[in-house]
All heavy atoms as atom14 arrays in JSON, in Angstrom:
{
  "sequence": "SLDSVLCLVSGTSNCHLFSTDRAVYVHGLWGPF",
  "atom14_mask": [
    [1, 1, 1, 1, 1, 1, 0, 0, 0, 0, 0, 0, 0, 0],
    [1, 1, 1, 1, 1, 1, 1, 1, 0, 0, 0, 0, 0, 0],
    [1, 1, 1, 1, 1, 1, 1, 1, 0, 0, 0, 0, 0, 0],
    [1, 1, 1, 1, 1, 1, 0, 0, 0, 0, 0, 0, 0, 0],
    [1, 1, 1, 1, 1, 1, 1, 0, 0, 0, 0, 0, 0, 0],
    [1, 1, 1, 1, 1, 1, 1, 1, 0, 0, 0, 0, 0, 0],
    [1, 1, 1, 1, 1, 1, 0, 0, 0, 0, 0, 0, 0, 0],
    [1, 1, 1, 1, 1, 1, 1, 1, 0, 0, 0, 0, 0, 0],
    [1, 1, 1, 1, 1, 1, 1, 0, 0, 0, 0, 0, 0, 0],
    [1, 1, 1, 1, 1, 1, 0, 0, 0, 0, 0, 0, 0, 0],
    [1, 1, 1, 1, 0, 0, 0, 0, 0, 0, 0, 0, 0, 0],
    [1, 1, 1, 1, 1, 1, 1, 0, 0, 0, 0, 0, 0, 0],
    [1, 1, 1, 1, 1, 1, 0, 0, 0, 0, 0, 0, 0, 0],
    [1, 1, 1, 1, 1, 1, 1, 1, 0, 0, 0, 0, 0, 0],
    [1, 1, 1, 1, 1, 1, 0, 0, 0, 0, 0, 0, 0, 0],
    [1, 1, 1, 1, 1, 1, 1, 1, 1, 1, 0, 0, 0, 0],
    [1, 1, 1, 1, 1, 1, 1, 1, 0, 0, 0, 0, 0, 0],
    [1, 1, 1, 1, 1, 1, 1, 1, 1, 1, 1, 0, 0, 0],
    [1, 1, 1, 1, 1, 1, 0, 0, 0, 0, 0, 0, 0, 0],
    [1, 1, 1, 1, 1, 1, 1, 0, 0, 0, 0, 0, 0, 0],
    [1, 1, 1, 1, 1, 1, 1, 1, 0, 0, 0, 0, 0, 0],
    [1, 1, 1, 1, 1, 1, 1, 1, 1, 1, 1, 0, 0, 0],
    [1, 1, 1, 1, 1, 0, 0, 0, 0, 0, 0, 0, 0, 0],
    [1, 1, 1, 1, 1, 1, 1, 0, 0, 0, 0, 0, 0, 0],
    [1, 1, 1, 1, 1, 1, 1, 1, 1, 1, 1, 1, 0, 0],
    [1, 1, 1, 1, 1, 1, 1, 0, 0, 0, 0, 0, 0, 0],
    [1, 1, 1, 1, 1, 1, 1, 1, 1, 1, 0, 0, 0, 0],
    [1, 1, 1, 1, 0, 0, 0, 0, 0, 0, 0, 0, 0, 0],
    [1, 1, 1, 1, 1, 1, 1, 1, 0, 0, 0, 0, 0, 0],
    [1, 1, 1, 1, 1, 1, 1, 1, 1, 1, 1, 1, 1, 1],
    [1, 1, 1, 1, 0, 0, 0, 0, 0, 0, 0, 0, 0, 0],
    [1, 1, 1, 1, 1, 1, 1, 0, 0, 0, 0, 0, 0, 0],
    [1, 1, 1, 1, 1, 1, 1, 1, 1, 1, 1, 0, 0, 0]
  ],
  "atom14_positions": [
    [[-186.92, -37.93, 78.11], [-186.72, -38.62, 76.85], [-185.22, -38.68, 76.55], [-184.49, -37.7, 76.73], [-187.45, -37.9, 75.71], [-186.95, -36.58, 75.56], [0.0, 0.0, 0.0], [0.0, 0.0, 0.0], [0.0, 0.0, 0.0], [0.0, 0.0, 0.0], [0.0, 0.0, 0.0], [0.0, 0.0, 0.0], [0.0, 0.0, 0.0], [0.0, 0.0, 0.0]],
    [[-184.77, -39.81, 76.09], [-183.33, -40.02, 75.9], [-182.78, -39.17, 74.76], [-181.57, -38.96, 74.68], [-183.05, -41.5, 75.66], [-183.42, -42.43, 76.82], [-182.98, -43.85, 76.52], [-182.81, -41.96, 78.13], [0.0, 0.0, 0.0], [0.0, 0.0, 0.0], [0.0, 0.0, 0.0], [0.0, 0.0, 0.0], [0.0, 0.0, 0.0], [0.0, 0.0, 0.0]],
    [[-183.65, -38.69, 73.85], [-183.13, -37.89, 72.74], [-182.88, -36.43, 73.13], [-182.61, -35.6, 72.28], [-184.07, -37.97, 71.52], [-185.43, -37.36, 71.78], [-185.7, -36.97, 72.92], [-186.22, -37.27, 70.82], [0.0, 0.0, 0.0], [0.0, 0.0, 0.0], [0.0, 0.0, 0.0], [0.0, 0.0, 0.0], [0.0, 0.0, 0.0], [0.0, 0.0, 0.0]],
    [[-182.92, -36.14, 74.43], [-182.51, -34.81, 74.9], [-181.08, -34.81, 75.4], [-180.54, -33.78, 75.8], [-183.43, -34.33, 76.02], [-183.21, -35.09, 77.2], [0.0, 0.0, 0.0], [0.0, 0.0, 0.0], [0.0, 0.0, 0.0], [0.0, 0.0, 0.0], [0.0, 0.0, 0.0], [0.0, 0.0, 0.0], [0.0, 0.0, 0.0], [0.0, 0.0, 0.0]],
    [[-180.43, -35.98, 75.38], [-179.15, -36.18, 76.06], [-178.03, -36.48, 75.07], [-178.15, -37.38, 74.23], [-179.25, -37.35, 77.06], [-177.93, -37.57, 77.77], [-180.36, -37.09, 78.07], [0.0, 0.0, 0.0], [0.0, 0.0, 0.0], [0.0, 0.0, 0.0], [0.0, 0.0, 0.0], [0.0, 0.0, 0.0], [0.0, 0.0, 0.0], [0.0, 0.0, 0.0]],
    [[-176.93, -35.74, 75.17], [-175.69, -36.1, 74.48], [-174.77, -36.76, 75.48], [-174.45, -36.18, 76.52], [-175.01, -34.85, 73.9], [-173.68, -35.12, 73.17], [-173.95, -35.74, 71.8], [-172.85, -33.86, 73.03], [0.0, 0.0, 0.0], [0.0, 0.0, 0.0], [0.0, 0.0, 0.0], [0.0, 0.0, 0.0], [0.0, 0.0, 0.0], [0.0, 0.0, 0.0]],
    [[-174.35, -37.99, 75.2], [-173.4, -38.7, 76.06], [-171.99, -38.41, 75.59], [-171.65, -38.67, 74.43], [-173.67, -40.2, 76.02], [-175.23, -40.69, 76.76], [0.0, 0.0, 0.0], [0.0, 0.0, 0.0], [0.0, 0.0, 0.0], [0.0, 0.0, 0.0], [0.0, 0.0, 0.0], [0.0, 0.0, 0.0], [0.0, 0.0, 0.0], [0.0, 0.0, 0.0]],
    [[-171.16, -37.86, 76.47], [-169.77, -37.56, 76.16], [-168.88, -38.5, 76.97], [-168.82, -38.39, 78.2], [-169.46, -36.1, 76.48], [-167.99, -35.66, 76.4], [-167.4, -35.96, 75.03], [-167.87, -34.18, 76.72], [0.0, 0.0, 0.0], [0.0, 0.0, 0.0], [0.0, 0.0, 0.0], [0.0, 0.0, 0.0], [0.0, 0.0, 0.0], [0.0, 0.0, 0.0]],
    [[-168.21, -39.41, 76.29], [-167.27, -40.33, 76.92], [-165.88, -39.77, 76.66], [-165.4, -39.77, 75.52], [-167.41, -41.75, 76.37], [-166.49, -42.71, 77.12], [-168.86, -42.22, 76.47], [0.0, 0.0, 0.0], [0.0, 0.0, 0.0], [0.0, 0.0, 0.0], [0.0, 0.0, 0.0], [0.0, 0.0, 0.0], [0.0, 0.0, 0.0], [0.0, 0.0, 0.0]],
    [[-165.23, -39.27, 77.7], [-164.03, -38.47, 77.51], [-162.85, -39.05, 78.27], [-162.87, -39.13, 79.51], [-164.29, -37.03, 77.98], [-163.18, -36.21, 77.71], [0.0, 0.0, 0.0], [0.0, 0.0, 0.0], [0.0, 0.0, 0.0], [0.0, 0.0, 0.0], [0.0, 0.0, 0.0], [0.0, 0.0, 0.0], [0.0, 0.0, 0.0], [0.0, 0.0, 0.0]],
    [[-161.84, -39.46, 77.53], [-160.62, -39.97, 78.13], [-159.45, -39.6, 77.22], [-159.19, -38.43, 76.96], [0.0, 0.0, 0.0], [0.0, 0.0, 0.0], [0.0, 0.0, 0.0], [0.0, 0.0, 0.0], [0.0, 0.0, 0.0], [0.0, 0.0, 0.0], [0.0, 0.0, 0.0], [0.0, 0.0, 0.0], [0.0, 0.0, 0.0], [0.0, 0.0, 0.0]],
    [[-158.73, -40.6, 76.72], [-157.66, -40.35, 75.74], [-158.22, -39.6, 74.54], [-157.62, -38.66, 74.02], [-157.04, -41.68, 75.29], [-156.55, -42.38, 76.43], [-155.91, -41.44, 74.31], [0.0, 0.0, 0.0], [0.0, 0.0, 0.0], [0.0, 0.0, 0.0], [0.0, 0.0, 0.0], [0.0, 0.0, 0.0], [0.0, 0.0, 0.0], [0.0, 0.0, 0.0]],
    [[-159.39, -40.04, 74.08], [-160.11, -39.36, 73.01], [-161.51, -39.05, 73.53], [-161.87, -39.39, 74.64], [-160.18, -40.26, 71.77], [-160.86, -41.47, 72.06], [0.0, 0.0, 0.0], [0.0, 0.0, 0.0], [0.0, 0.0, 0.0], [0.0, 0.0, 0.0], [0.0, 0.0, 0.0], [0.0, 0.0, 0.0], [0.0, 0.0, 0.0], [0.0, 0.0, 0.0]],
    [[-162.3, -38.38, 72.7], [-163.69, -38.08, 73.06], [-164.63, -38.81, 72.13], [-164.41, -38.86, 70.91], [-163.99, -36.58, 72.96], [-163.54, -35.82, 74.19], [-163.21, -36.41, 75.22], [-163.53, -34.5, 74.1], [0.0, 0.0, 0.0], [0.0, 0.0, 0.0], [0.0, 0.0, 0.0], [0.0, 0.0, 0.0], [0.0, 0.0, 0.0], [0.0, 0.0, 0.0]],
    [[-165.7, -39.35, 72.69], [-166.75, -40.0, 71.91], [-168.08, -39.35, 72.29], [-168.4, -39.24, 73.47], [-166.78, -41.49, 72.2], [-168.0, -42.41, 71.25], [0.0, 0.0, 0.0], [0.0, 0.0, 0.0], [0.0, 0.0, 0.0], [0.0, 0.0, 0.0], [0.0, 0.0, 0.0], [0.0, 0.0, 0.0], [0.0, 0.0, 0.0], [0.0, 0.0, 0.0]],
    [[-168.83, -38.88, 71.29], [-170.11, -38.23, 71.51], [-171.21, -39.11, 70.93], [-171.2, -39.41, 69.73], [-170.15, -36.87, 70.82], [-169.02, -35.95, 71.16], [-167.74, -36.14, 70.69], [-168.98, -34.83, 71.93], [-166.95, -35.17, 71.15], [-167.68, -34.37, 71.9], [0.0, 0.0, 0.0], [0.0, 0.0, 0.0], [0.0, 0.0, 0.0], [0.0, 0.0, 0.0]],
    [[-172.17, -39.52, 71.76], [-173.23, -40.42, 71.31], [-174.59, -39.81, 71.61], [-174.84, -39.31, 72.71], [-173.1, -41.78, 72.0], [-171.8, -42.53, 71.7], [-170.96, -42.63, 72.96], [-172.05, -43.9, 71.12], [0.0, 0.0, 0.0], [0.0, 0.0, 0.0], [0.0, 0.0, 0.0], [0.0, 0.0, 0.0], [0.0, 0.0, 0.0], [0.0, 0.0, 0.0]],
    [[-175.47, -39.89, 70.6], [-176.8, -39.3, 70.71], [-177.82, -40.3, 70.23], [-177.78, -40.75, 69.08], [-176.87, -38.03, 69.87], [-178.2, -37.35, 69.91], [-178.56, -36.58, 70.99], [-179.09, -37.48, 68.86], [-179.8, -35.95, 71.04], [-180.33, -36.86, 68.89], [-180.69, -36.09, 69.99], [0.0, 0.0, 0.0], [0.0, 0.0, 0.0], [0.0, 0.0, 0.0]],
    [[-178.75, -40.69, 71.11], [-179.74, -41.72, 70.79], [-181.05, -41.08, 70.34], [-181.45, -40.02, 70.84], [-180.0, -42.61, 72.01], [-178.84, -43.34, 72.36], [0.0, 0.0, 0.0], [0.0, 0.0, 0.0], [0.0, 0.0, 0.0], [0.0, 0.0, 0.0], [0.0, 0.0, 0.0], [0.0, 0.0, 0.0], [0.0, 0.0, 0.0], [0.0, 0.0, 0.0]],
    [[-181.71, -41.75, 69.4], [-182.96, -41.23, 68.85], [-183.84, -42.38, 68.36], [-183.34, -43.46, 68.05], [-182.67, -40.26, 67.68], [-183.9, -39.83, 67.1], [-181.82, -40.92, 66.62], [0.0, 0.0, 0.0], [0.0, 0.0, 0.0], [0.0, 0.0, 0.0], [0.0, 0.0, 0.0], [0.0, 0.0, 0.0], [0.0, 0.0, 0.0], [0.0, 0.0, 0.0]],
    [[-185.14, -42.13, 68.32], [-186.08, -43.14, 67.86], [-186.11, -43.29, 66.35], [-186.66, -44.25, 65.83], [-187.51, -42.8, 68.33], [-187.66, -42.98, 69.84], [-187.06, -43.92, 70.37], [-188.37, -42.17, 70.46], [0.0, 0.0, 0.0], [0.0, 0.0, 0.0], [0.0, 0.0, 0.0], [0.0, 0.0, 0.0], [0.0, 0.0, 0.0], [0.0, 0.0, 0.0]],
    [[-185.55, -42.33, 65.64], [-185.63, -42.36, 64.17], [-184.24, -42.3, 63.56], [-183.29, -41.82, 64.18], [-186.48, -41.19, 63.66], [-185.99, -39.84, 64.1], [-187.03, -38.74, 63.91], [-186.56, -37.46, 64.41], [-185.96, -36.54, 63.66], [-185.77, -36.77, 62.37], [-185.58, -35.39, 64.19], [0.0, 0.0, 0.0], [0.0, 0.0, 0.0], [0.0, 0.0, 0.0]],
    [[-184.15, -42.79, 62.35], [-182.87, -42.8, 61.65], [-182.64, -41.44, 60.98], [-183.38, -41.04, 60.09], [-182.86, -43.9, 60.6], [0.0, 0.0, 0.0], [0.0, 0.0, 0.0], [0.0, 0.0, 0.0], [0.0, 0.0, 0.0], [0.0, 0.0, 0.0], [0.0, 0.0, 0.0], [0.0, 0.0, 0.0], [0.0, 0.0, 0.0], [0.0, 0.0, 0.0]],
    [[-181.62, -40.73, 61.44], [-181.26, -39.44, 60.87], [-179.79, -39.5, 60.43], [-178.92, -39.8, 61.24], [-181.46, -38.28, 61.88], [-181.02, -36.96, 61.26], [-182.92, -38.21, 62.31], [0.0, 0.0, 0.0], [0.0, 0.0, 0.0], [0.0, 0.0, 0.0], [0.0, 0.0, 0.0], [0.0, 0.0, 0.0], [0.0, 0.0, 0.0], [0.0, 0.0, 0.0]],
    [[-179.55, -39.21, 59.17], [-178.18, -39.21, 58.65], [-177.59, -37.82, 58.81], [-178.2, -36.83, 58.42], [-178.17, -39.65, 57.19], [-178.62, -41.08, 57.0], [-179.96, -41.39, 56.78], [-177.71, -42.12, 57.08], [-180.38, -42.7, 56.62], [-178.11, -43.44, 56.94], [-179.45, -43.72, 56.71], [-179.85, -45.02, 56.57], [0.0, 0.0, 0.0], [0.0, 0.0, 0.0]],
    [[-176.4, -37.76, 59.39], [-175.76, -36.48, 59.69], [-174.39, -36.47, 59.03], [-173.53, -37.31, 59.35], [-175.61, -36.27, 61.21], [-175.03, -34.89, 61.5], [-176.95, -36.45, 61.92], [0.0, 0.0, 0.0], [0.0, 0.0, 0.0], [0.0, 0.0, 0.0], [0.0, 0.0, 0.0], [0.0, 0.0, 0.0], [0.0, 0.0, 0.0], [0.0, 0.0, 0.0]],
    [[-174.18, -35.55, 58.11], [-172.91, -35.49, 57.39], [-171.75, -35.25, 58.36], [-171.8, -34.36, 59.21], [-172.92, -34.38, 56.35], [-171.66, -34.33, 55.54], [-171.38, -35.26, 54.55], [-170.59, -33.5, 55.59], [-170.2, -34.98, 54.02], [-169.71, -33.91, 54.63], [0.0, 0.0, 0.0], [0.0, 0.0, 0.0], [0.0, 0.0, 0.0], [0.0, 0.0, 0.0]],
    [[-170.73, -36.07, 58.25], [-169.55, -35.94, 59.1], [-169.63, -36.67, 60.41], [-168.64, -36.75, 61.13], [0.0, 0.0, 0.0], [0.0, 0.0, 0.0], [0.0, 0.0, 0.0], [0.0, 0.0, 0.0], [0.0, 0.0, 0.0], [0.0, 0.0, 0.0], [0.0, 0.0, 0.0], [0.0, 0.0, 0.0], [0.0, 0.0, 0.0], [0.0, 0.0, 0.0]],
    [[-170.81, -37.22, 60.75], [-170.95, -38.03, 61.96], [-171.31, -39.46, 61.57], [-171.87, -39.69, 60.5], [-172.03, -37.46, 62.89], [-171.57, -36.38, 63.88], [-171.27, -35.08, 63.16], [-172.62, -36.15, 64.95], [0.0, 0.0, 0.0], [0.0, 0.0, 0.0], [0.0, 0.0, 0.0], [0.0, 0.0, 0.0], [0.0, 0.0, 0.0], [0.0, 0.0, 0.0]],
    [[-171.02, -40.39, 62.45], [-171.32, -41.79, 62.17], [-172.74, -42.1, 62.6], [-173.26, -41.55, 63.55], [-170.33, -42.69, 62.91], [-168.9, -42.41, 62.56], [-168.43, -41.75, 61.46], [-167.74, -42.76, 63.33], [-167.05, -41.67, 61.49], [-166.6, -42.28, 62.64], [-167.55, -43.43, 64.53], [-165.31, -42.46, 63.11], [-166.26, -43.61, 65.0], [-165.15, -43.13, 64.29]],
    [[-173.35, -43.03, 61.91], [-174.7, -43.46, 62.23], [-175.68, -42.97, 61.17], [-175.28, -42.35, 60.17], [0.0, 0.0, 0.0], [0.0, 0.0, 0.0], [0.0, 0.0, 0.0], [0.0, 0.0, 0.0], [0.0, 0.0, 0.0], [0.0, 0.0, 0.0], [0.0, 0.0, 0.0], [0.0, 0.0, 0.0], [0.0, 0.0, 0.0], [0.0, 0.0, 0.0]],
    [[-176.95, -43.25, 61.38], [-177.54, -43.88, 62.56], [-177.29, -45.39, 62.6], [-177.42, -46.07, 61.59], [-179.03, -43.59, 62.41], [-179.23, -43.5, 60.92], [-177.97, -42.91, 60.37], [0.0, 0.0, 0.0], [0.0, 0.0, 0.0], [0.0, 0.0, 0.0], [0.0, 0.0, 0.0], [0.0, 0.0, 0.0], [0.0, 0.0, 0.0], [0.0, 0.0, 0.0]],
    [[-176.92, -45.88, 63.78], [-176.71, -47.31, 64.0], [-177.82, -47.83, 64.92], [-178.1, -47.22, 65.96], [-175.36, -47.56, 64.66], [-174.19, -47.03, 63.88], [-173.3, -46.12, 64.46], [-173.95, -47.42, 62.57], [-172.22, -45.62, 63.76], [-172.87, -46.93, 61.86], [-172.0, -46.03, 62.45], [0.0, 0.0, 0.0], [0.0, 0.0, 0.0], [0.0, 0.0, 0.0]]
  ]
}
């Protein structure tokens, strides 16, 4: 299931992306988009 995976795109900066079937609002993080 894709909601077990954190995608870390790491270069000049770091981007952390987490996919889920439901909309969850997380203080201090962007999304859910």
